């Protein structure tokens, strides 16, 4: 989750905290993630000059390196986990999992 949040803040510096929560479908649970990321020095919260209610989010200097390292680890894990599988089997599995997720969401 940390990587998703940092990636979005890097792509959209100054994004409103509420907008980010809605985009990532996190609601109020984003606050805890942002607290941890701010403590780790990866993001900064700033008040808007126009509306003091929402916080605007900006990447800290270490955010890009954190994202790069994290994505590298994910790529290595993915390559290790998926090695030896046929591409067509992986695509079929992805379609099945996507359909299962869709069905679960319609029941919620």
PDB file of N, CA and C in Angstrom:
ATOM      1  N   UNK A   1       0.819  -1.184   0.000  1.00  0.00           N
ATOM      2  CA  UNK A   1       0.000   0.000   0.000  1.00  0.00           C
ATOM      3  C   UNK A   1       0.871   1.260   0.000  1.00  0.00           C
ATOM      4  N   UNK A   2       1.971   1.204   0.761  1.00  0.00           N
ATOM      5  CA  UNK A   2       2.861   2.367   0.816  1.00  0.00           C
ATOM      6  C   UNK A   2       3.339   2.772  -0.577  1.00  0.00           C
ATOM      7  N   UNK A   3       3.674   1.770  -1.391  1.00  0.00           N
ATOM      8  CA  UNK A   3       4.174   2.074  -2.736  1.00  0.00           C
ATOM      9  C   UNK A   3       3.119   2.766  -3.582  1.00  0.00           C
ATOM     10  N   UNK A   4       1.871   2.310  -3.483  1.00  0.00           N
ATOM     11  CA  UNK A   4       0.788   2.932  -4.257  1.00  0.00           C
ATOM     12  C   UNK A   4       0.625   4.394  -3.871  1.00  0.00           C
ATOM     13  N   UNK A   5       0.626   4.648  -2.586  1.00  0.00           N
ATOM     14  CA  UNK A   5       0.436   6.017  -2.106  1.00  0.00           C
ATOM     15  C   UNK A   5       1.595   6.905  -2.540  1.00  0.00           C
ATOM     16  N   UNK A   6       2.812   6.439  -2.330  1.00  0.00           N
ATOM     17  CA  UNK A   6       3.984   7.234  -2.717  1.00  0.00           C
ATOM     18  C   UNK A   6       3.998   7.471  -4.221  1.00  0.00           C
ATOM     19  N   UNK A   7       3.659   6.449  -5.011  1.00  0.00           N
ATOM     20  CA  UNK A   7       3.626   6.604  -6.473  1.00  0.00           C
ATOM     21  C   UNK A   7       2.640   7.699  -6.874  1.00  0.00           C
ATOM     22  N   UNK A   8       1.450   7.681  -6.290  1.00  0.00           N
ATOM     23  CA  UNK A   8       0.443   8.685  -6.633  1.00  0.00           C
ATOM     24  C   UNK A   8       0.886  10.090  -6.231  1.00  0.00           C
ATOM     25  N   UNK A   9       1.512  10.214  -5.073  1.00  0.00           N
ATOM     26  CA  UNK A   9       1.973  11.535  -4.624  1.00  0.00           C
ATOM     27  C   UNK A   9       3.102  12.031  -5.522  1.00  0.00           C
ATOM     28  N   UNK A  10       3.965  11.123  -5.967  1.00  0.00           N
ATOM     29  CA  UNK A  10       5.028  11.522  -6.898  1.00  0.00           C
ATOM     30  C   UNK A  10       4.455  11.949  -8.248  1.00  0.00           C
ATOM     31  N   UNK A  11       3.434  11.236  -8.707  1.00  0.00           N
ATOM     32  CA  UNK A  11       2.832  11.564 -10.002  1.00  0.00           C
ATOM     33  C   UNK A  11       1.996  12.840  -9.944  1.00  0.00           C
ATOM     34  N   UNK A  12       1.431  13.118  -8.756  1.00  0.00           N
ATOM     35  CA  UNK A  12       0.540  14.270  -8.623  1.00  0.00           C
ATOM     36  C   UNK A  12       0.868  15.071  -7.367  1.00  0.00           C
ATOM     37  N   UNK A  13       2.026  15.711  -7.346  1.00  0.00           N
ATOM     38  CA  UNK A  13       2.386  16.498  -6.161  1.00  0.00           C
ATOM     39  C   UNK A  13       1.315  17.543  -5.865  1.00  0.00           C
ATOM     40  N   UNK A  14       0.950  17.646  -4.598  1.00  0.00           N
ATOM     41  CA  UNK A  14      -0.079  18.600  -4.206  1.00  0.00           C
ATOM     42  C   UNK A  14      -1.472  18.021  -4.253  1.00  0.00           C
ATOM     43  N   UNK A  15      -1.589  16.700  -4.445  1.00  0.00           N
ATOM     44  CA  UNK A  15      -2.911  16.076  -4.483  1.00  0.00           C
ATOM     45  C   UNK A  15      -3.587  16.228  -3.126  1.00  0.00           C
ATOM     46  N   UNK A  16      -4.857  16.460  -3.152  1.00  0.00           N
ATOM     47  CA  UNK A  16      -5.672  16.592  -1.961  1.00  0.00           C
ATOM     48  C   UNK A  16      -5.783  15.216  -1.292  1.00  0.00           C
ATOM     49  N   UNK A  17      -5.650  15.173   0.019  1.00  0.00           N
ATOM     50  CA  UNK A  17      -5.691  13.915   0.765  1.00  0.00           C
ATOM     51  C   UNK A  17      -7.009  13.177   0.543  1.00  0.00           C
ATOM     52  N   UNK A  18      -8.106  13.884   0.478  1.00  0.00           N
ATOM     53  CA  UNK A  18      -9.420  13.247   0.256  1.00  0.00           C
ATOM     54  C   UNK A  18      -9.505  12.645  -1.143  1.00  0.00           C
ATOM     55  N   UNK A  19      -8.980  13.365  -2.130  1.00  0.00           N
ATOM     56  CA  UNK A  19      -9.000  12.841  -3.504  1.00  0.00           C
ATOM     57  C   UNK A  19      -8.196  11.552  -3.601  1.00  0.00           C
ATOM     58  N   UNK A  20      -7.043  11.530  -2.957  1.00  0.00           N
ATOM     59  CA  UNK A  20      -6.201  10.343  -2.981  1.00  0.00           C
ATOM     60  C   UNK A  20      -6.904   9.174  -2.312  1.00  0.00           C
ATOM     61  N   UNK A  21      -7.552   9.407  -1.185  1.00  0.00           N
ATOM     62  CA  UNK A  21      -8.284   8.343  -0.490  1.00  0.00           C
ATOM     63  C   UNK A  21      -9.375   7.776  -1.384  1.00  0.00           C
ATOM     64  N   UNK A  22     -10.076   8.645  -2.097  1.00  0.00           N
ATOM     65  CA  UNK A  22     -11.142   8.184  -2.987  1.00  0.00           C
ATOM     66  C   UNK A  22     -10.571   7.408  -4.169  1.00  0.00           C
ATOM     67  N   UNK A  23      -9.496   7.899  -4.764  1.00  0.00           N
ATOM     68  CA  UNK A  23      -8.896   7.228  -5.918  1.00  0.00           C
ATOM     69  C   UNK A  23      -8.373   5.840  -5.579  1.00  0.00           C
ATOM     70  N   UNK A  24      -7.796   5.707  -4.384  1.00  0.00           N
ATOM     71  CA  UNK A  24      -7.232   4.418  -3.980  1.00  0.00           C
ATOM     72  C   UNK A  24      -8.244   3.574  -3.213  1.00  0.00           C
ATOM     73  N   UNK A  25      -9.467   4.090  -3.052  1.00  0.00           N
ATOM     74  CA  UNK A  25     -10.547   3.390  -2.364  1.00  0.00           C
ATOM     75  C   UNK A  25     -10.134   2.996  -0.950  1.00  0.00           C
ATOM     76  N   UNK A  26      -9.557   3.956  -0.223  1.00  0.00           N
ATOM     77  CA  UNK A  26      -9.052   3.679   1.116  1.00  0.00           C
ATOM     78  C   UNK A  26      -9.858   4.338   2.227  1.00  0.00           C
ATOM     79  N   UNK A  27     -10.597   5.377   1.918  1.00  0.00           N
ATOM     80  CA  UNK A  27     -11.358   6.050   2.952  1.00  0.00           C
ATOM     81  C   UNK A  27     -10.463   6.575   4.062  1.00  0.00           C
ATOM     82  N   UNK A  28     -10.939   6.428   5.301  1.00  0.00           N
ATOM     83  CA  UNK A  28     -10.202   6.986   6.441  1.00  0.00           C
ATOM     84  C   UNK A  28      -8.956   6.176   6.788  1.00  0.00           C
ATOM     85  N   UNK A  29      -8.817   4.967   6.258  1.00  0.00           N
ATOM     86  CA  UNK A  29      -7.617   4.176   6.564  1.00  0.00           C
ATOM     87  C   UNK A  29      -6.360   4.792   5.950  1.00  0.00           C
ATOM     88  N   UNK A  30      -6.535   5.710   5.002  1.00  0.00           N
ATOM     89  CA  UNK A  30      -5.382   6.378   4.403  1.00  0.00           C
ATOM     90  C   UNK A  30      -4.631   7.217   5.438  1.00  0.00           C
ATOM     91  N   UNK A  31      -5.333   7.736   6.419  1.00  0.00           N
ATOM     92  CA  UNK A  31      -4.703   8.618   7.412  1.00  0.00           C
ATOM     93  C   UNK A  31      -3.558   7.902   8.113  1.00  0.00           C
ATOM     94  N   UNK A  32      -3.760   6.667   8.527  1.00  0.00           N
ATOM     95  CA  UNK A  32      -2.701   5.910   9.186  1.00  0.00           C
ATOM     96  C   UNK A  32      -1.513   5.663   8.278  1.00  0.00           C
ATOM     97  N   UNK A  33      -1.789   5.357   7.006  1.00  0.00           N
ATOM     98  CA  UNK A  33      -0.716   5.154   6.033  1.00  0.00           C
ATOM     99  C   UNK A  33       0.076   6.440   5.858  1.00  0.00           C
ATOM    100  N   UNK A  34      -0.622   7.558   5.738  1.00  0.00           N
ATOM    101  CA  UNK A  34       0.047   8.852   5.572  1.00  0.00           C
ATOM    102  C   UNK A  34       0.869   9.215   6.808  1.00  0.00           C
ATOM    103  N   UNK A  35       0.347   8.901   7.990  1.00  0.00           N
ATOM    104  CA  UNK A  35       1.102   9.156   9.222  1.00  0.00           C
ATOM    105  C   UNK A  35       2.445   8.430   9.181  1.00  0.00           C
ATOM    106  N   UNK A  36       2.405   7.144   8.813  1.00  0.00           N
ATOM    107  CA  UNK A  36       3.634   6.346   8.760  1.00  0.00           C
ATOM    108  C   UNK A  36       4.600   6.855   7.692  1.00  0.00           C
ATOM    109  N   UNK A  37       4.060   7.201   6.521  1.00  0.00           N
ATOM    110  CA  UNK A  37       4.916   7.703   5.442  1.00  0.00           C
ATOM    111  C   UNK A  37       5.551   9.043   5.820  1.00  0.00           C
ATOM    112  N   UNK A  38       4.802   9.885   6.512  1.00  0.00           N
ATOM    113  CA  UNK A  38       5.350  11.173   6.955  1.00  0.00           C
ATOM    114  C   UNK A  38       6.430  10.955   8.013  1.00  0.00           C
ATOM    115  N   UNK A  39       6.193  10.018   8.934  1.00  0.00           N
ATOM    116  CA  UNK A  39       7.192   9.713   9.970  1.00  0.00           C
ATOM    117  C   UNK A  39       8.486   9.185   9.349  1.00  0.00           C
ATOM    118  N   UNK A  40       8.354   8.445   8.245  1.00  0.00           N
ATOM    119  CA  UNK A  40       9.521   7.881   7.566  1.00  0.00           C
ATOM    120  C   UNK A  40      10.179   8.891   6.632  1.00  0.00           C
ATOM    121  N   UNK A  41       9.600  10.079   6.539  1.00  0.00           N
ATOM    122  CA  UNK A  41      10.189  11.127   5.715  1.00  0.00           C
ATOM    123  C   UNK A  41       9.975  10.937   4.227  1.00  0.00           C
ATOM    124  N   UNK A  42       8.866  10.281   3.846  1.00  0.00           N
ATOM    125  CA  UNK A  42       8.608  10.016   2.431  1.00  0.00           C
ATOM    126  C   UNK A  42       7.591  10.965   1.811  1.00  0.00           C
ATOM    127  N   UNK A  43       6.717  11.520   2.625  1.00  0.00           N
ATOM    128  CA  UNK A  43       5.748  12.505   2.136  1.00  0.00           C
ATOM    129  C   UNK A  43       5.666  13.660   3.115  1.00  0.00           C
ATOM    130  N   UNK A  44       5.136  14.768   2.627  1.00  0.00           N
ATOM    131  CA  UNK A  44       4.880  15.940   3.469  1.00  0.00           C
ATOM    132  C   UNK A  44       3.422  16.325   3.306  1.00  0.00           C
ATOM    133  N   UNK A  45       2.801  16.693   4.417  1.00  0.00           N
ATOM    134  CA  UNK A  45       1.434  17.228   4.381  1.00  0.00           C
ATOM    135  C   UNK A  45       1.545  18.743   4.516  1.00  0.00           C
ATOM    136  N   UNK A  46       0.799  19.429   3.661  1.00  0.00           N
ATOM    137  CA  UNK A  46       0.761  20.896   3.743  1.00  0.00           C
ATOM    138  C   UNK A  46      -0.686  21.345   3.653  1.00  0.00           C
ATOM    139  N   UNK A  47      -1.002  22.416   4.346  1.00  0.00           N
ATOM    140  CA  UNK A  47      -2.350  22.969   4.253  1.00  0.00           C
ATOM    141  C   UNK A  47      -2.486  23.766   2.970  1.00  0.00           C
ATOM    142  N   UNK A  48      -3.645  23.676   2.385  1.00  0.00           N
ATOM    143  CA  UNK A  48      -3.957  24.467   1.200  1.00  0.00           C
ATOM    144  C   UNK A  48      -4.076  25.936   1.588  1.00  0.00           C
ATOM    145  N   UNK A  49      -3.604  26.794   0.721  1.00  0.00           N
ATOM    146  CA  UNK A  49      -3.733  28.231   0.968  1.00  0.00           C
ATOM    147  C   UNK A  49      -5.169  28.698   0.770  1.00  0.00           C
ATOM    148  N   UNK A  50      -5.949  27.942  -0.015  1.00  0.00           N
ATOM    149  CA  UNK A  50      -7.313  28.339  -0.354  1.00  0.00           C
ATOM    150  C   UNK A  50      -8.350  27.733   0.580  1.00  0.00           C
ATOM    151  N   UNK A  51      -8.078  26.528   1.077  1.00  0.00           N
ATOM    152  CA  UNK A  51      -9.035  25.817   1.928  1.00  0.00           C
ATOM    153  C   UNK A  51      -8.223  25.055   2.965  1.00  0.00           C
ATOM    154  N   UNK A  52      -8.323  25.446   4.208  1.00  0.00           N
ATOM    155  CA  UNK A  52      -7.465  24.863   5.242  1.00  0.00           C
ATOM    156  C   UNK A  52      -7.904  23.463   5.691  1.00  0.00           C
ATOM    157  N   UNK A  53      -9.048  22.995   5.249  1.00  0.00           N
ATOM    158  CA  UNK A  53      -9.521  21.684   5.700  1.00  0.00           C
ATOM    159  C   UNK A  53      -8.715  20.529   5.122  1.00  0.00           C
ATOM    160  N   UNK A  54      -8.593  20.424   3.808  1.00  0.00           N
ATOM    161  CA  UNK A  54      -7.862  19.258   3.293  1.00  0.00           C
ATOM    162  C   UNK A  54      -6.354  19.479   3.296  1.00  0.00           C
ATOM    163  N   UNK A  55      -5.635  18.415   3.583  1.00  0.00           N
ATOM    164  CA  UNK A  55      -4.178  18.463   3.466  1.00  0.00           C
ATOM    165  C   UNK A  55      -3.780  18.177   2.025  1.00  0.00           C
ATOM    166  N   UNK A  56      -2.749  18.857   1.571  1.00  0.00           N
ATOM    167  CA  UNK A  56      -2.175  18.578   0.264  1.00  0.00           C
ATOM    168  C   UNK A  56      -0.919  17.754   0.501  1.00  0.00           C
ATOM    169  N   UNK A  57      -0.680  16.793  -0.359  1.00  0.00           N
ATOM    170  CA  UNK A  57       0.415  15.857  -0.165  1.00  0.00           C
ATOM    171  C   UNK A  57       1.509  16.085  -1.189  1.00  0.00           C
ATOM    172  N   UNK A  58       2.752  16.105  -0.690  1.00  0.00           N
ATOM    173  CA  UNK A  58       3.916  16.318  -1.546  1.00  0.00           C
ATOM    174  C   UNK A  58       4.966  15.257  -1.236  1.00  0.00           C
ATOM    175  N   UNK A  59       5.694  14.816  -2.262  1.00  0.00           N
ATOM    176  CA  UNK A  59       6.761  13.842  -1.994  1.00  0.00           C
ATOM    177  C   UNK A  59       7.950  14.509  -1.318  1.00  0.00           C
ATOM    178  N   UNK A  60       8.571  13.785  -0.419  1.00  0.00           N
ATOM    179  CA  UNK A  60       9.820  14.233   0.200  1.00  0.00           C
ATOM    180  C   UNK A  60      10.971  13.782  -0.684  1.00  0.00           C
ATOM    181  N   UNK A  61      12.157  14.303  -0.456  1.00  0.00           N
ATOM    182  CA  UNK A  61      13.295  13.934  -1.315  1.00  0.00           C
ATOM    183  C   UNK A  61      13.541  12.420  -1.430  1.00  0.00           C
ATOM    184  N   UNK A  62      13.282  11.650  -0.403  1.00  0.00           N
ATOM    185  CA  UNK A  62      13.546  10.207  -0.458  1.00  0.00           C
ATOM    186  C   UNK A  62      12.453   9.381  -1.110  1.00  0.00           C
ATOM    187  N   UNK A  63      11.361  10.009  -1.507  1.00  0.00           N
ATOM    188  CA  UNK A  63      10.216   9.264  -2.036  1.00  0.00           C
ATOM    189  C   UNK A  63      10.542   8.521  -3.330  1.00  0.00           C
ATOM    190  N   UNK A  64      11.246   9.152  -4.242  1.00  0.00           N
ATOM    191  CA  UNK A  64      11.546   8.529  -5.534  1.00  0.00           C
ATOM    192  C   UNK A  64      12.437   7.297  -5.353  1.00  0.00           C
ATOM    193  N   UNK A  65      13.434   7.397  -4.480  1.00  0.00           N
ATOM    194  CA  UNK A  65      14.321   6.260  -4.215  1.00  0.00           C
ATOM    195  C   UNK A  65      13.546   5.115  -3.559  1.00  0.00           C
ATOM    196  N   UNK A  66      12.669   5.446  -2.609  1.00  0.00           N
ATOM    197  CA  UNK A  66      11.831   4.438  -1.950  1.00  0.00           C
ATOM    198  C   UNK A  66      10.981   3.699  -2.979  1.00  0.00           C
ATOM    199  N   UNK A  67      10.353   4.446  -3.876  1.00  0.00           N
ATOM    200  CA  UNK A  67       9.512   3.838  -4.891  1.00  0.00           C
ATOM    201  C   UNK A  67      10.330   2.958  -5.822  1.00  0.00           C
ATOM    202  N   UNK A  68      11.461   3.442  -6.255  1.00  0.00           N
ATOM    203  CA  UNK A  68      12.321   2.683  -7.157  1.00  0.00           C
ATOM    204  C   UNK A  68      12.764   1.367  -6.520  1.00  0.00           C
ATOM    205  N   UNK A  69      13.214   1.435  -5.276  1.00  0.00           N
ATOM    206  CA  UNK A  69      13.651   0.216  -4.579  1.00  0.00           C
ATOM    207  C   UNK A  69      12.488  -0.750  -4.383  1.00  0.00           C
ATOM    208  N   UNK A  70      11.354  -0.230  -3.972  1.00  0.00           N
ATOM    209  CA  UNK A  70      10.177  -1.072  -3.744  1.00  0.00           C
ATOM    210  C   UNK A  70       9.695  -1.750  -5.008  1.00  0.00           C
ATOM    211  N   UNK A  71       9.658  -1.007  -6.109  1.00  0.00           N
ATOM    212  CA  UNK A  71       9.223  -1.604  -7.373  1.00  0.00           C
ATOM    213  C   UNK A  71      10.227  -2.642  -7.859  1.00  0.00           C
ATOM    214  N   UNK A  72      11.507  -2.421  -7.600  1.00  0.00           N
ATOM    215  CA  UNK A  72      12.523  -3.412  -7.957  1.00  0.00           C
ATOM    216  C   UNK A  72      12.310  -4.711  -7.192  1.00  0.00           C
ATOM    217  N   UNK A  73      12.023  -4.599  -5.921  1.00  0.00           N
ATOM    218  CA  UNK A  73      11.751  -5.791  -5.106  1.00  0.00           C
ATOM    219  C   UNK A  73      10.510  -6.514  -5.614  1.00  0.00           C
ATOM    220  N   UNK A  74       9.466  -5.767  -5.939  1.00  0.00           N
ATOM    221  CA  UNK A  74       8.240  -6.388  -6.454  1.00  0.00           C
ATOM    222  C   UNK A  74       8.486  -7.097  -7.784  1.00  0.00           C
ATOM    223  N   UNK A  75       9.262  -6.488  -8.669  1.00  0.00           N
ATOM    224  CA  UNK A  75       9.565  -7.128  -9.958  1.00  0.00           C
ATOM    225  C   UNK A  75      10.330  -8.429  -9.752  1.00  0.00           C
ATOM    226  N   UNK A  76      11.289  -8.422  -8.831  1.00  0.00           N
ATOM    227  CA  UNK A  76      12.068  -9.630  -8.558  1.00  0.00           C
ATOM    228  C   UNK A  76      11.186 -10.730  -7.973  1.00  0.00           C
ATOM    229  N   UNK A  77      10.307 -10.367  -7.058  1.00  0.00           N
ATOM    230  CA  UNK A  77       9.384 -11.354  -6.481  1.00  0.00           C
ATOM    231  C   UNK A  77       8.445 -11.920  -7.538  1.00  0.00           C
ATOM    232  N   UNK A  78       7.921 -11.025  -8.364  1.00  0.00           N
ATOM    233  CA  UNK A  78       7.012 -11.451  -9.423  1.00  0.00           C
ATOM    234  C   UNK A  78       7.708 -12.412 -10.380  1.00  0.00           C
ATOM    235  N   UNK A  79       8.910 -12.081 -10.778  1.00  0.00           N
ATOM    236  CA  UNK A  79       9.658 -12.948 -11.695  1.00  0.00           C
ATOM    237  C   UNK A  79       9.910 -14.308 -11.062  1.00  0.00           C
ATOM    238  N   UNK A  80      10.248 -14.313  -9.783  1.00  0.00           N
ATOM    239  CA  UNK A  80      10.509 -15.571  -9.083  1.00  0.00           C
ATOM    240  C   UNK A  80       9.236 -16.399  -8.950  1.00  0.00           C
ATOM    241  N   UNK A  81       8.148 -15.761  -8.561  1.00  0.00           N
ATOM    242  CA  UNK A  81       6.884 -16.485  -8.363  1.00  0.00           C
ATOM    243  C   UNK A  81       6.291 -17.012  -9.658  1.00  0.00           C
ATOM    244  N   UNK A  82       6.479 -16.290 -10.748  1.00  0.00           N
ATOM    245  CA  UNK A  82       5.833 -16.656 -12.003  1.00  0.00           C
ATOM    246  C   UNK A  82       6.727 -17.459 -12.944  1.00  0.00           C
ATOM    247  N   UNK A  83       7.973 -17.636 -12.561  1.00  0.00           N
ATOM    248  CA  UNK A  83       8.875 -18.374 -13.456  1.00  0.00           C
ATOM    249  C   UNK A  83       8.391 -19.813 -13.614  1.00  0.00           C
ATOM    250  N   UNK A  84       8.474 -20.311 -14.831  1.00  0.00           N
ATOM    251  CA  UNK A  84       8.072 -21.683 -15.119  1.00  0.00           C
ATOM    252  C   UNK A  84       6.614 -21.841 -15.521  1.00  0.00           C
ATOM    253  N   UNK A  85       5.833 -20.790 -15.383  1.00  0.00           N
ATOM    254  CA  UNK A  85       4.434 -20.871 -15.800  1.00  0.00           C
ATOM    255  C   UNK A  85       4.295 -20.438 -17.259  1.00  0.00           C
ATOM    256  N   UNK A  86       3.399 -21.079 -17.955  1.00  0.00           N
ATOM    257  CA  UNK A  86       3.088 -20.739 -19.335  1.00  0.00           C
ATOM    258  C   UNK A  86       2.324 -19.408 -19.360  1.00  0.00           C
ATOM    259  N   UNK A  87       2.655 -18.539 -20.309  1.00  0.00           N
ATOM    260  CA  UNK A  87       2.017 -17.222 -20.397  1.00  0.00           C
ATOM    261  C   UNK A  87       0.504 -17.345 -20.550  1.00  0.00           C
ATOM    262  N   UNK A  88       0.050 -18.275 -21.340  1.00  0.00           N
ATOM    263  CA  UNK A  88      -1.392 -18.443 -21.548  1.00  0.00           C
ATOM    264  C   UNK A  88      -2.074 -18.879 -20.248  1.00  0.00           C
ATOM    265  N   UNK A  89      -1.437 -19.743 -19.478  1.00  0.00           N
ATOM    266  CA  UNK A  89      -1.993 -20.160 -18.192  1.00  0.00           C
ATOM    267  C   UNK A  89      -2.085 -18.972 -17.233  1.00  0.00           C
ATOM    268  N   UNK A  90      -1.077 -18.138 -17.240  1.00  0.00           N
ATOM    269  CA  UNK A  90      -1.099 -16.948 -16.384  1.00  0.00           C
ATOM    270  C   UNK A  90      -2.226 -16.000 -16.787  1.00  0.00           C
ATOM    271  N   UNK A  91      -2.406 -15.809 -18.082  1.00  0.00           N
ATOM    272  CA  UNK A  91      -3.468 -14.925 -18.559  1.00  0.00           C
ATOM    273  C   UNK A  91      -4.843 -15.471 -18.184  1.00  0.00           C
ATOM    274  N   UNK A  92      -5.029 -16.779 -18.320  1.00  0.00           N
ATOM    275  CA  UNK A  92      -6.296 -17.401 -17.941  1.00  0.00           C
ATOM    276  C   UNK A  92      -6.536 -17.234 -16.445  1.00  0.00           C
ATOM    277  N   UNK A  93      -5.509 -17.460 -15.646  1.00  0.00           N
ATOM    278  CA  UNK A  93      -5.636 -17.302 -14.192  1.00  0.00           C
ATOM    279  C   UNK A  93      -5.999 -15.876 -13.823  1.00  0.00           C
ATOM    280  N   UNK A  94      -5.390 -14.915 -14.488  1.00  0.00           N
ATOM    281  CA  UNK A  94      -5.683 -13.511 -14.225  1.00  0.00           C
ATOM    282  C   UNK A  94      -7.141 -13.189 -14.550  1.00  0.00           C
ATOM    283  N   UNK A  95      -7.630 -13.711 -15.653  1.00  0.00           N
ATOM    284  CA  UNK A  95      -9.036 -13.493 -16.016  1.00  0.00           C
ATOM    285  C   UNK A  95      -9.971 -14.095 -14.974  1.00  0.00           C
ATOM    286  N   UNK A  96      -9.661 -15.303 -14.517  1.00  0.00           N
ATOM    287  CA  UNK A  96     -10.493 -15.949 -13.498  1.00  0.00           C
ATOM    288  C   UNK A  96     -10.475 -15.164 -12.189  1.00  0.00           C
ATOM    289  N   UNK A  97      -9.306 -14.740 -11.755  1.00  0.00           N
ATOM    290  CA  UNK A  97      -9.208 -13.972 -10.527  1.00  0.00           C
ATOM    291  C   UNK A  97      -9.939 -12.632 -10.643  1.00  0.00           C
ATOM    292  N   UNK A  98      -9.834 -12.001 -11.786  1.00  0.00           N
ATOM    293  CA  UNK A  98     -10.534 -10.729 -12.004  1.00  0.00           C
ATOM    294  C   UNK A  98     -12.041 -10.921 -11.913  1.00  0.00           C
ATOM    295  N   UNK A  99     -12.525 -12.004 -12.476  1.00  0.00           N
ATOM    296  CA  UNK A  99     -13.968 -12.297 -12.417  1.00  0.00           C
ATOM    297  C   UNK A  99     -14.395 -12.584 -10.984  1.00  0.00           C
ATOM    298  N   UNK A 100     -13.577 -13.300 -10.227  1.00  0.00           N
ATOM    299  CA  UNK A 100     -13.901 -13.570  -8.821  1.00  0.00           C
ATOM    300  C   UNK A 100     -13.970 -12.275  -8.023  1.00  0.00           C
ATOM    301  N   UNK A 101     -13.042 -11.387  -8.260  1.00  0.00           N
ATOM    302  CA  UNK A 101     -13.030 -10.092  -7.559  1.00  0.00           C
ATOM    303  C   UNK A 101     -14.274  -9.301  -7.921  1.00  0.00           C
ATOM    304  N   UNK A 102     -14.624  -9.292  -9.199  1.00  0.00           N
ATOM    305  CA  UNK A 102     -15.826  -8.566  -9.640  1.00  0.00           C
ATOM    306  C   UNK A 102     -17.059  -9.104  -8.932  1.00  0.00           C
ATOM    307  N   UNK A 103     -17.179 -10.419  -8.836  1.00  0.00           N
ATOM    308  CA  UNK A 103     -18.334 -11.024  -8.172  1.00  0.00           C
ATOM    309  C   UNK A 103     -18.358 -10.692  -6.685  1.00  0.00           C
ATOM    310  N   UNK A 104     -17.201 -10.719  -6.046  1.00  0.00           N
ATOM    311  CA  UNK A 104     -17.152 -10.372  -4.637  1.00  0.00           C
ATOM    312  C   UNK A 104     -17.579  -8.930  -4.402  1.00  0.00           C
ATOM    313  N   UNK A 105     -17.165  -8.041  -5.271  1.00  0.00           N
ATOM    314  CA  UNK A 105     -17.520  -6.630  -5.122  1.00  0.00           C
ATOM    315  C   UNK A 105     -19.009  -6.391  -5.318  1.00  0.00           C
ATOM    316  N   UNK A 106     -19.640  -7.149  -6.179  1.00  0.00           N
ATOM    317  CA  UNK A 106     -21.080  -6.955  -6.404  1.00  0.00           C
ATOM    318  C   UNK A 106     -21.892  -7.471  -5.224  1.00  0.00           C
ATOM    319  N   UNK A 107     -21.326  -8.360  -4.416  1.00  0.00           N
ATOM    320  CA  UNK A 107     -22.013  -8.882  -3.242  1.00  0.00           C
ATOM    321  C   UNK A 107     -21.856  -7.986  -2.019  1.00  0.00           C
ATOM    322  N   UNK A 108     -20.851  -7.157  -2.045  1.00  0.00           N
ATOM    323  CA  UNK A 108     -20.563  -6.328  -0.854  1.00  0.00           C
ATOM    324  C   UNK A 108     -21.509  -5.161  -0.735  1.00  0.00           C
TER     325      UNK A 108
END
